[in-house]
Amino acid sequence: MWNSPADFFAMGGYALYVWSSFGMCALVLLWEPLAIASRRRKIIQRLQREIRAEKFDKEGMK
């Protein structure tokens, strides 16, 4: 039980460990969707380049 907000933020002497753990978790939760979106954009761009290359090859063979 915490008697004051200061006691809550001190976490019984383990504040550095507790709050750094929360901070790292928050960073991962923010970073993961951004990384997935970036990877998705790169995959879509690569597929679009491959489609354009295939169209170019087919047009060149005519």
PDB file of N, CA and C in Angstrom:
ATOM      1  N   MET A   1       0.837  -1.183   0.000  1.00  0.00           N
ATOM      2  CA  MET A   1       0.000   0.000   0.000  1.00  0.00           C
ATOM      3  C   MET A   1       0.883   1.247   0.000  1.00  0.00           C
ATOM      4  N   TRP A   2       0.444   2.228  -0.750  1.00  0.00           N
ATOM      5  CA  TRP A   2       1.173   3.489  -0.814  1.00  0.00           C
ATOM      6  C   TRP A   2       0.389   4.550  -0.066  1.00  0.00           C
ATOM      7  N   ASN A   3       1.103   5.317   0.741  1.00  0.00           N
ATOM      8  CA  ASN A   3       0.459   6.361   1.542  1.00  0.00           C
ATOM      9  C   ASN A   3       0.450   7.710   0.844  1.00  0.00           C
ATOM     10  N   SER A   4       1.247   7.845  -0.213  1.00  0.00           N
ATOM     11  CA  SER A   4       1.307   9.118  -0.924  1.00  0.00           C
ATOM     12  C   SER A   4       1.743   8.854  -2.363  1.00  0.00           C
ATOM     13  N   PRO A   5       1.554   9.837  -3.228  1.00  0.00           N
ATOM     14  CA  PRO A   5       2.045   9.665  -4.602  1.00  0.00           C
ATOM     15  C   PRO A   5       3.560   9.453  -4.659  1.00  0.00           C
ATOM     16  N   ALA A   6       4.296  10.075  -3.765  1.00  0.00           N
ATOM     17  CA  ALA A   6       5.751   9.894  -3.740  1.00  0.00           C
ATOM     18  C   ALA A   6       6.102   8.436  -3.434  1.00  0.00           C
ATOM     19  N   ASP A   7       5.367   7.818  -2.495  1.00  0.00           N
ATOM     20  CA  ASP A   7       5.591   6.398  -2.197  1.00  0.00           C
ATOM     21  C   ASP A   7       5.281   5.534  -3.412  1.00  0.00           C
ATOM     22  N   PHE A   8       4.221   5.885  -4.126  1.00  0.00           N
ATOM     23  CA  PHE A   8       3.857   5.128  -5.331  1.00  0.00           C
ATOM     24  C   PHE A   8       4.984   5.195  -6.357  1.00  0.00           C
ATOM     25  N   PHE A   9       5.483   6.411  -6.629  1.00  0.00           N
ATOM     26  CA  PHE A   9       6.532   6.559  -7.641  1.00  0.00           C
ATOM     27  C   PHE A   9       7.867   5.994  -7.177  1.00  0.00           C
ATOM     28  N   ALA A  10       8.095   5.902  -5.880  1.00  0.00           N
ATOM     29  CA  ALA A  10       9.341   5.308  -5.361  1.00  0.00           C
ATOM     30  C   ALA A  10       9.295   3.787  -5.449  1.00  0.00           C
ATOM     31  N   MET A  11       8.096   3.217  -5.504  1.00  0.00           N
ATOM     32  CA  MET A  11       7.891   1.762  -5.632  1.00  0.00           C
ATOM     33  C   MET A  11       8.684   0.963  -4.599  1.00  0.00           C
ATOM     34  N   GLY A  12       8.679   1.434  -3.392  1.00  0.00           N
ATOM     35  CA  GLY A  12       9.330   0.690  -2.313  1.00  0.00           C
ATOM     36  C   GLY A  12      10.828   0.557  -2.495  1.00  0.00           C
ATOM     37  N   GLY A  13      11.444   1.510  -3.160  1.00  0.00           N
ATOM     38  CA  GLY A  13      12.889   1.458  -3.370  1.00  0.00           C
ATOM     39  C   GLY A  13      13.288   0.823  -4.694  1.00  0.00           C
ATOM     40  N   TYR A  14      12.352   0.315  -5.428  1.00  0.00           N
ATOM     41  CA  TYR A  14      12.643  -0.352  -6.706  1.00  0.00           C
ATOM     42  C   TYR A  14      12.208   0.496  -7.904  1.00  0.00           C
ATOM     43  N   ALA A  15      12.099   1.783  -7.716  1.00  0.00           N
ATOM     44  CA  ALA A  15      11.570   2.670  -8.757  1.00  0.00           C
ATOM     45  C   ALA A  15      12.365   2.585 -10.053  1.00  0.00           C
ATOM     46  N   LEU A  16      13.686   2.572  -9.979  1.00  0.00           N
ATOM     47  CA  LEU A  16      14.500   2.537 -11.197  1.00  0.00           C
ATOM     48  C   LEU A  16      14.171   1.294 -12.025  1.00  0.00           C
ATOM     49  N   TYR A  17      14.119   0.144 -11.387  1.00  0.00           N
ATOM     50  CA  TYR A  17      13.813  -1.101 -12.094  1.00  0.00           C
ATOM     51  C   TYR A  17      12.382  -1.085 -12.636  1.00  0.00           C
ATOM     52  N   VAL A  18      11.427  -0.706 -11.790  1.00  0.00           N
ATOM     53  CA  VAL A  18      10.011  -0.745 -12.181  1.00  0.00           C
ATOM     54  C   VAL A  18       9.732   0.215 -13.323  1.00  0.00           C
ATOM     55  N   TRP A  19      10.149   1.477 -13.180  1.00  0.00           N
ATOM     56  CA  TRP A  19       9.819   2.472 -14.198  1.00  0.00           C
ATOM     57  C   TRP A  19      10.614   2.273 -15.480  1.00  0.00           C
ATOM     58  N   SER A  20      11.844   1.774 -15.370  1.00  0.00           N
ATOM     59  CA  SER A  20      12.576   1.490 -16.612  1.00  0.00           C
ATOM     60  C   SER A  20      11.938   0.306 -17.345  1.00  0.00           C
ATOM     61  N   SER A  21      11.402  -0.647 -16.610  1.00  0.00           N
ATOM     62  CA  SER A  21      10.694  -1.770 -17.239  1.00  0.00           C
ATOM     63  C   SER A  21       9.437  -1.292 -17.955  1.00  0.00           C
ATOM     64  N   PHE A  22       8.680  -0.424 -17.295  1.00  0.00           N
ATOM     65  CA  PHE A  22       7.497   0.154 -17.938  1.00  0.00           C
ATOM     66  C   PHE A  22       7.886   0.959 -19.169  1.00  0.00           C
ATOM     67  N   GLY A  23       8.973   1.710 -19.065  1.00  0.00           N
ATOM     68  CA  GLY A  23       9.432   2.522 -20.194  1.00  0.00           C
ATOM     69  C   GLY A  23       9.836   1.668 -21.383  1.00  0.00           C
ATOM     70  N   MET A  24      10.582   0.596 -21.126  1.00  0.00           N
ATOM     71  CA  MET A  24      10.996  -0.291 -22.217  1.00  0.00           C
ATOM     72  C   MET A  24       9.786  -0.955 -22.863  1.00  0.00           C
ATOM     73  N   CYS A  25       8.834  -1.358 -22.059  1.00  0.00           N
ATOM     74  CA  CYS A  25       7.614  -1.973 -22.590  1.00  0.00           C
ATOM     75  C   CYS A  25       6.863  -0.973 -23.478  1.00  0.00           C
ATOM     76  N   ALA A  26       6.769   0.265 -23.023  1.00  0.00           N
ATOM     77  CA  ALA A  26       6.086   1.290 -23.814  1.00  0.00           C
ATOM     78  C   ALA A  26       6.812   1.530 -25.128  1.00  0.00           C
ATOM     79  N   LEU A  27       8.149   1.561 -25.086  1.00  0.00           N
ATOM     80  CA  LEU A  27       8.917   1.745 -26.324  1.00  0.00           C
ATOM     81  C   LEU A  27       8.650   0.623 -27.320  1.00  0.00           C
ATOM     82  N   VAL A  28       8.642  -0.593 -26.842  1.00  0.00           N
ATOM     83  CA  VAL A  28       8.389  -1.742 -27.728  1.00  0.00           C
ATOM     84  C   VAL A  28       6.977  -1.673 -28.296  1.00  0.00           C
ATOM     85  N   LEU A  29       6.013  -1.307 -27.463  1.00  0.00           N
ATOM     86  CA  LEU A  29       4.631  -1.227 -27.935  1.00  0.00           C
ATOM     87  C   LEU A  29       4.455  -0.118 -28.966  1.00  0.00           C
ATOM     88  N   LEU A  30       5.247   0.925 -28.897  1.00  0.00           N
ATOM     89  CA  LEU A  30       5.198   1.992 -29.900  1.00  0.00           C
ATOM     90  C   LEU A  30       5.999   1.631 -31.144  1.00  0.00           C
ATOM     91  N   TRP A  31       7.150   0.998 -30.949  1.00  0.00           N
ATOM     92  CA  TRP A  31       8.056   0.694 -32.063  1.00  0.00           C
ATOM     93  C   TRP A  31       7.499  -0.409 -32.966  1.00  0.00           C
ATOM     94  N   GLU A  32       6.891  -1.420 -32.398  1.00  0.00           N
ATOM     95  CA  GLU A  32       6.453  -2.584 -33.183  1.00  0.00           C
ATOM     96  C   GLU A  32       5.492  -2.221 -34.321  1.00  0.00           C
ATOM     97  N   PRO A  33       4.416  -1.477 -34.085  1.00  0.00           N
ATOM     98  CA  PRO A  33       3.533  -1.133 -35.218  1.00  0.00           C
ATOM     99  C   PRO A  33       4.242  -0.283 -36.269  1.00  0.00           C
ATOM    100  N   LEU A  34       5.157   0.588 -35.834  1.00  0.00           N
ATOM    101  CA  LEU A  34       5.895   1.402 -36.799  1.00  0.00           C
ATOM    102  C   LEU A  34       6.801   0.532 -37.662  1.00  0.00           C
ATOM    103  N   ALA A  35       7.454  -0.433 -37.039  1.00  0.00           N
ATOM    104  CA  ALA A  35       8.333  -1.335 -37.784  1.00  0.00           C
ATOM    105  C   ALA A  35       7.532  -2.191 -38.765  1.00  0.00           C
ATOM    106  N   ILE A  36       6.377  -2.657 -38.344  1.00  0.00           N
ATOM    107  CA  ILE A  36       5.531  -3.471 -39.224  1.00  0.00           C
ATOM    108  C   ILE A  36       5.056  -2.645 -40.414  1.00  0.00           C
ATOM    109  N   ALA A  37       4.634  -1.408 -40.167  1.00  0.00           N
ATOM    110  CA  ALA A  37       4.172  -0.543 -41.258  1.00  0.00           C
ATOM    111  C   ALA A  37       5.300  -0.261 -42.247  1.00  0.00           C
ATOM    112  N   SER A  38       6.485  -0.028 -41.732  1.00  0.00           N
ATOM    113  CA  SER A  38       7.638   0.227 -42.600  1.00  0.00           C
ATOM    114  C   SER A  38       7.959  -1.008 -43.446  1.00  0.00           C
ATOM    115  N   ARG A  39       7.949  -2.165 -42.822  1.00  0.00           N
ATOM    116  CA  ARG A  39       8.223  -3.413 -43.543  1.00  0.00           C
ATOM    117  C   ARG A  39       7.161  -3.655 -44.613  1.00  0.00           C
ATOM    118  N   ARG A  40       5.909  -3.373 -44.294  1.00  0.00           N
ATOM    119  CA  ARG A  40       4.815  -3.552 -45.255  1.00  0.00           C
ATOM    120  C   ARG A  40       5.005  -2.638 -46.458  1.00  0.00           C
ATOM    121  N   ARG A  41       5.356  -1.365 -46.206  1.00  0.00           N
ATOM    122  CA  ARG A  41       5.597  -0.416 -47.312  1.00  0.00           C
ATOM    123  C   ARG A  41       6.721  -0.911 -48.212  1.00  0.00           C
ATOM    124  N   LYS A  42       7.796  -1.403 -47.624  1.00  0.00           N
ATOM    125  CA  LYS A  42       8.930  -1.880 -48.417  1.00  0.00           C
ATOM    126  C   LYS A  42       8.548  -3.096 -49.264  1.00  0.00           C
ATOM    127  N   ILE A  43       7.759  -3.984 -48.695  1.00  0.00           N
ATOM    128  CA  ILE A  43       7.322  -5.173 -49.438  1.00  0.00           C
ATOM    129  C   ILE A  43       6.430  -4.759 -50.609  1.00  0.00           C
ATOM    130  N   ILE A  44       5.510  -3.830 -50.367  1.00  0.00           N
ATOM    131  CA  ILE A  44       4.630  -3.365 -51.440  1.00  0.00           C
ATOM    132  C   ILE A  44       5.443  -2.693 -52.542  1.00  0.00           C
ATOM    133  N   GLN A  45       6.413  -1.874 -52.183  1.00  0.00           N
ATOM    134  CA  GLN A  45       7.262  -1.224 -53.185  1.00  0.00           C
ATOM    135  C   GLN A  45       8.033  -2.259 -54.003  1.00  0.00           C
ATOM    136  N   ARG A  46       8.566  -3.271 -53.330  1.00  0.00           N
ATOM    137  CA  ARG A  46       9.311  -4.313 -54.042  1.00  0.00           C
ATOM    138  C   ARG A  46       8.405  -5.059 -55.006  1.00  0.00           C
ATOM    139  N   LEU A  47       7.202  -5.392 -54.574  1.00  0.00           N
ATOM    140  CA  LEU A  47       6.268  -6.098 -55.452  1.00  0.00           C
ATOM    141  C   LEU A  47       5.866  -5.234 -56.642  1.00  0.00           C
ATOM    142  N   GLN A  48       5.666  -3.935 -56.411  1.00  0.00           N
ATOM    143  CA  GLN A  48       5.333  -3.044 -57.524  1.00  0.00           C
ATOM    144  C   GLN A  48       6.483  -2.978 -58.529  1.00  0.00           C
ATOM    145  N   ARG A  49       7.725  -2.944 -58.045  1.00  0.00           N
ATOM    146  CA  ARG A  49       8.886  -2.950 -58.962  1.00  0.00           C
ATOM    147  C   ARG A  49       8.931  -4.241 -59.771  1.00  0.00           C
ATOM    148  N   GLU A  50       8.652  -5.364 -59.114  1.00  0.00           N
ATOM    149  CA  GLU A  50       8.656  -6.650 -59.820  1.00  0.00           C
ATOM    150  C   GLU A  50       7.564  -6.688 -60.888  1.00  0.00           C
ATOM    151  N   ILE A  51       6.389  -6.160 -60.577  1.00  0.00           N
ATOM    152  CA  ILE A  51       5.296  -6.128 -61.552  1.00  0.00           C
ATOM    153  C   ILE A  51       5.684  -5.264 -62.747  1.00  0.00           C
ATOM    154  N   ARG A  52       6.266  -4.087 -62.489  1.00  0.00           N
ATOM    155  CA  ARG A  52       6.699  -3.216 -63.589  1.00  0.00           C
ATOM    156  C   ARG A  52       7.771  -3.892 -64.436  1.00  0.00           C
ATOM    157  N   ALA A  53       8.690  -4.618 -63.779  1.00  0.00           N
ATOM    158  CA  ALA A  53       9.748  -5.306 -64.518  1.00  0.00           C
ATOM    159  C   ALA A  53       9.161  -6.407 -65.400  1.00  0.00           C
ATOM    160  N   GLU A  54       8.173  -7.140 -64.882  1.00  0.00           N
ATOM    161  CA  GLU A  54       7.537  -8.190 -65.679  1.00  0.00           C
ATOM    162  C   GLU A  54       6.802  -7.598 -66.875  1.00  0.00           C
ATOM    163  N   LYS A  55       6.095  -6.472 -66.662  1.00  0.00           N
ATOM    164  CA  LYS A  55       5.405  -5.812 -67.774  1.00  0.00           C
ATOM    165  C   LYS A  55       6.409  -5.353 -68.822  1.00  0.00           C
ATOM    166  N   PHE A  56       7.524  -4.810 -68.388  1.00  0.00           N
ATOM    167  CA  PHE A  56       8.548  -4.346 -69.305  1.00  0.00           C
ATOM    168  C   PHE A  56       9.121  -5.516 -70.109  1.00  0.00           C
ATOM    169  N   ASP A  57       9.360  -6.645 -69.437  1.00  0.00           N
ATOM    170  CA  ASP A  57       9.872  -7.824 -70.135  1.00  0.00           C
ATOM    171  C   ASP A  57       8.881  -8.326 -71.165  1.00  0.00           C
ATOM    172  N   LYS A  58       7.601  -8.359 -70.830  1.00  0.00           N
ATOM    173  CA  LYS A  58       6.582  -8.846 -71.751  1.00  0.00           C
ATOM    174  C   LYS A  58       6.439  -7.905 -72.948  1.00  0.00           C
ATOM    175  N   GLU A  59       6.500  -6.609 -72.726  1.00  0.00           N
ATOM    176  CA  GLU A  59       6.400  -5.649 -73.810  1.00  0.00           C
ATOM    177  C   GLU A  59       7.643  -5.696 -74.694  1.00  0.00           C
ATOM    178  N   GLY A  60       8.765  -5.971 -74.112  1.00  0.00           N
ATOM    179  CA  GLY A  60      10.010  -6.047 -74.885  1.00  0.00           C
ATOM    180  C   GLY A  60      10.073  -7.277 -75.777  1.00  0.00           C
ATOM    181  N   MET A  61       9.347  -8.332 -75.415  1.00  0.00           N
ATOM    182  CA  MET A  61       9.372  -9.561 -76.195  1.00  0.00           C
ATOM    183  C   MET A  61       8.494  -9.468 -77.425  1.00  0.00           C
ATOM    184  N   LYS A  62       7.585  -8.508 -77.503  1.00  0.00           N
ATOM    185  CA  LYS A  62       6.666  -8.403 -78.648  1.00  0.00           C
ATOM    186  C   LYS A  62       7.367  -7.931 -79.876  1.00  0.00           C
TER     187      LYS A  62
END
